[in-house]
Amino acid sequence: MNGDRTTQALARIEAALARLEAAAGNAAGHRRSAADLARLQARHHKLREAVNDGLQQLDLLIETAQG
């Protein structure tokens, strides 16, 4: 009976370790996602600035053409 309890305890420990490893993998995936999101936000900001600059140049060109 003592061997059976030891086997059950080891099985529970192994299951807990598997859950910990899965949770650690999910956390690493979340950090990657956060880093990807930060890169996308920075790219969006640069693109938005470029579009705003282009629109300002277009407005100036239109104003100049209308004289």
N, C-alpha and C. Protein backbone atom coordinates (compact mmCIF):
# COMPACT_ATOMS: atom_id res chain seq x y z
N MET A 1 0.82 -1.20 0.00
CA MET A 1 0.00 0.00 0.00
C MET A 1 0.86 1.26 0.00
N ASN A 2 1.98 1.20 0.73
CA ASN A 2 2.86 2.36 0.79
C ASN A 2 3.43 2.67 -0.60
N GLY A 3 3.76 1.63 -1.37
CA GLY A 3 4.26 1.82 -2.73
C GLY A 3 3.21 2.44 -3.62
N ASP A 4 1.95 2.07 -3.41
CA ASP A 4 0.85 2.62 -4.19
C ASP A 4 0.68 4.11 -3.90
N ARG A 5 0.80 4.50 -2.65
CA ARG A 5 0.69 5.92 -2.28
C ARG A 5 1.84 6.72 -2.87
N THR A 6 3.03 6.10 -2.88
CA THR A 6 4.19 6.77 -3.46
C THR A 6 3.98 6.97 -4.96
N THR A 7 3.48 5.96 -5.62
CA THR A 7 3.21 6.06 -7.05
C THR A 7 2.18 7.14 -7.34
N GLN A 8 1.13 7.20 -6.52
CA GLN A 8 0.10 8.22 -6.70
C GLN A 8 0.68 9.62 -6.46
N ALA A 9 1.52 9.74 -5.44
CA ALA A 9 2.14 11.03 -5.14
C ALA A 9 3.03 11.48 -6.29
N LEU A 10 3.81 10.55 -6.83
CA LEU A 10 4.68 10.88 -7.97
C LEU A 10 3.85 11.28 -9.19
N ALA A 11 2.74 10.60 -9.40
CA ALA A 11 1.87 10.94 -10.53
C ALA A 11 1.30 12.35 -10.36
N ARG A 12 0.91 12.69 -9.13
CA ARG A 12 0.38 14.05 -8.88
C ARG A 12 1.47 15.10 -9.10
N ILE A 13 2.69 14.78 -8.66
CA ILE A 13 3.81 15.72 -8.84
C ILE A 13 4.09 15.91 -10.33
N GLU A 14 4.10 14.82 -11.08
CA GLU A 14 4.34 14.91 -12.53
C GLU A 14 3.23 15.72 -13.21
N ALA A 15 2.00 15.54 -12.79
CA ALA A 15 0.89 16.29 -13.37
C ALA A 15 1.03 17.78 -13.04
N ALA A 16 1.45 18.07 -11.81
CA ALA A 16 1.64 19.47 -11.42
C ALA A 16 2.77 20.10 -12.23
N LEU A 17 3.84 19.35 -12.43
CA LEU A 17 4.95 19.86 -13.25
C LEU A 17 4.50 20.12 -14.68
N ALA A 18 3.69 19.26 -15.21
CA ALA A 18 3.17 19.46 -16.57
C ALA A 18 2.33 20.73 -16.65
N ARG A 19 1.51 20.95 -15.61
CA ARG A 19 0.69 22.18 -15.59
C ARG A 19 1.58 23.41 -15.49
N LEU A 20 2.64 23.34 -14.67
CA LEU A 20 3.56 24.47 -14.54
C LEU A 20 4.27 24.76 -15.86
N GLU A 21 4.71 23.71 -16.53
CA GLU A 21 5.38 23.90 -17.82
C GLU A 21 4.43 24.51 -18.85
N ALA A 22 3.20 24.06 -18.84
CA ALA A 22 2.21 24.63 -19.77
C ALA A 22 1.95 26.09 -19.46
N ALA A 23 1.85 26.42 -18.18
CA ALA A 23 1.62 27.81 -17.78
C ALA A 23 2.81 28.67 -18.16
N ALA A 24 4.01 28.17 -17.99
CA ALA A 24 5.21 28.92 -18.36
C ALA A 24 5.25 29.14 -19.86
N GLY A 25 4.85 28.14 -20.63
CA GLY A 25 4.80 28.29 -22.08
C GLY A 25 3.79 29.34 -22.50
N ASN A 26 2.64 29.38 -21.82
CA ASN A 26 1.62 30.38 -22.13
C ASN A 26 2.12 31.78 -21.79
N ALA A 27 2.85 31.90 -20.67
CA ALA A 27 3.38 33.21 -20.28
C ALA A 27 4.40 33.69 -21.30
N ALA A 28 5.26 32.78 -21.79
CA ALA A 28 6.24 33.16 -22.81
C ALA A 28 5.54 33.58 -24.09
N GLY A 29 4.48 32.89 -24.46
CA GLY A 29 3.71 33.27 -25.64
C GLY A 29 3.06 34.62 -25.47
N HIS A 30 2.61 34.92 -24.26
CA HIS A 30 1.99 36.22 -23.99
C HIS A 30 3.02 37.33 -24.11
N ARG A 31 4.24 37.09 -23.62
CA ARG A 31 5.29 38.11 -23.74
C ARG A 31 5.62 38.35 -25.20
N ARG A 32 5.66 37.28 -25.99
CA ARG A 32 5.91 37.46 -27.42
C ARG A 32 4.79 38.27 -28.05
N SER A 33 3.58 38.00 -27.66
CA SER A 33 2.45 38.73 -28.21
C SER A 33 2.51 40.20 -27.82
N ALA A 34 2.91 40.47 -26.59
CA ALA A 34 3.03 41.86 -26.14
C ALA A 34 4.12 42.57 -26.93
N ALA A 35 5.23 41.88 -27.19
CA ALA A 35 6.31 42.48 -27.97
C ALA A 35 5.85 42.72 -29.41
N ASP A 36 5.11 41.78 -29.97
CA ASP A 36 4.57 41.96 -31.32
C ASP A 36 3.62 43.14 -31.36
N LEU A 37 2.79 43.27 -30.35
CA LEU A 37 1.85 44.38 -30.28
C LEU A 37 2.59 45.71 -30.20
N ALA A 38 3.64 45.76 -29.40
CA ALA A 38 4.42 46.99 -29.28
C ALA A 38 5.05 47.37 -30.61
N ARG A 39 5.56 46.37 -31.35
CA ARG A 39 6.13 46.66 -32.68
C ARG A 39 5.06 47.17 -33.64
N LEU A 40 3.89 46.55 -33.61
CA LEU A 40 2.80 47.00 -34.48
C LEU A 40 2.34 48.41 -34.13
N GLN A 41 2.30 48.72 -32.84
CA GLN A 41 1.90 50.06 -32.42
C GLN A 41 2.92 51.10 -32.89
N ALA A 42 4.20 50.77 -32.78
CA ALA A 42 5.24 51.70 -33.24
C ALA A 42 5.15 51.89 -34.75
N ARG A 43 4.91 50.81 -35.48
CA ARG A 43 4.77 50.90 -36.94
C ARG A 43 3.55 51.74 -37.30
N HIS A 44 2.44 51.52 -36.59
CA HIS A 44 1.22 52.29 -36.84
C HIS A 44 1.48 53.78 -36.61
N HIS A 45 2.20 54.09 -35.55
CA HIS A 45 2.50 55.49 -35.24
C HIS A 45 3.32 56.13 -36.36
N LYS A 46 4.34 55.41 -36.85
CA LYS A 46 5.16 55.94 -37.94
C LYS A 46 4.35 56.12 -39.22
N LEU A 47 3.50 55.13 -39.53
CA LEU A 47 2.67 55.24 -40.73
C LEU A 47 1.69 56.40 -40.61
N ARG A 48 1.13 56.56 -39.42
CA ARG A 48 0.18 57.66 -39.20
C ARG A 48 0.86 59.01 -39.40
N GLU A 49 2.08 59.13 -38.88
CA GLU A 49 2.84 60.38 -39.07
C GLU A 49 3.13 60.62 -40.55
N ALA A 50 3.48 59.57 -41.26
CA ALA A 50 3.78 59.70 -42.69
C ALA A 50 2.54 60.14 -43.46
N VAL A 51 1.39 59.58 -43.14
CA VAL A 51 0.14 59.96 -43.80
C VAL A 51 -0.20 61.41 -43.49
N ASN A 52 -0.05 61.80 -42.22
CA ASN A 52 -0.33 63.19 -41.85
C ASN A 52 0.59 64.15 -42.59
N ASP A 53 1.89 63.80 -42.70
CA ASP A 53 2.81 64.65 -43.44
C ASP A 53 2.40 64.74 -44.91
N GLY A 54 2.02 63.62 -45.48
CA GLY A 54 1.59 63.61 -46.88
C GLY A 54 0.35 64.48 -47.09
N LEU A 55 -0.59 64.39 -46.17
CA LEU A 55 -1.81 65.21 -46.28
C LEU A 55 -1.50 66.69 -46.14
N GLN A 56 -0.59 67.03 -45.25
CA GLN A 56 -0.21 68.44 -45.11
C GLN A 56 0.44 68.96 -46.38
N GLN A 57 1.29 68.15 -46.99
CA GLN A 57 1.92 68.55 -48.24
C GLN A 57 0.88 68.71 -49.35
N LEU A 58 -0.07 67.80 -49.37
CA LEU A 58 -1.14 67.88 -50.36
C LEU A 58 -1.97 69.14 -50.17
N ASP A 59 -2.32 69.46 -48.93
CA ASP A 59 -3.07 70.68 -48.63
C ASP A 59 -2.30 71.91 -49.10
N LEU A 60 -1.00 71.93 -48.83
CA LEU A 60 -0.18 73.06 -49.25
C LEU A 60 -0.13 73.17 -50.76
N LEU A 61 -0.02 72.04 -51.44
CA LEU A 61 0.01 72.03 -52.90
C LEU A 61 -1.31 72.54 -53.47
N ILE A 62 -2.42 72.12 -52.89
CA ILE A 62 -3.74 72.56 -53.35
C ILE A 62 -3.89 74.06 -53.13
N GLU A 63 -3.50 74.52 -51.96
CA GLU A 63 -3.60 75.96 -51.67
C GLU A 63 -2.75 76.78 -52.64
N THR A 64 -1.55 76.27 -52.94
CA THR A 64 -0.66 76.97 -53.86
C THR A 64 -1.25 76.98 -55.27
N ALA A 65 -1.85 75.89 -55.68
CA ALA A 65 -2.43 75.79 -57.03
C ALA A 65 -3.65 76.70 -57.16
N GLN A 66 -4.41 76.87 -56.07
CA GLN A 66 -5.60 77.72 -56.13
C GLN A 66 -5.21 79.19 -56.13
N GLY A 67 -4.03 79.47 -55.64
CA GLY A 67 -3.45 80.80 -55.66
C GLY A 67 -4.17 81.81 -54.91
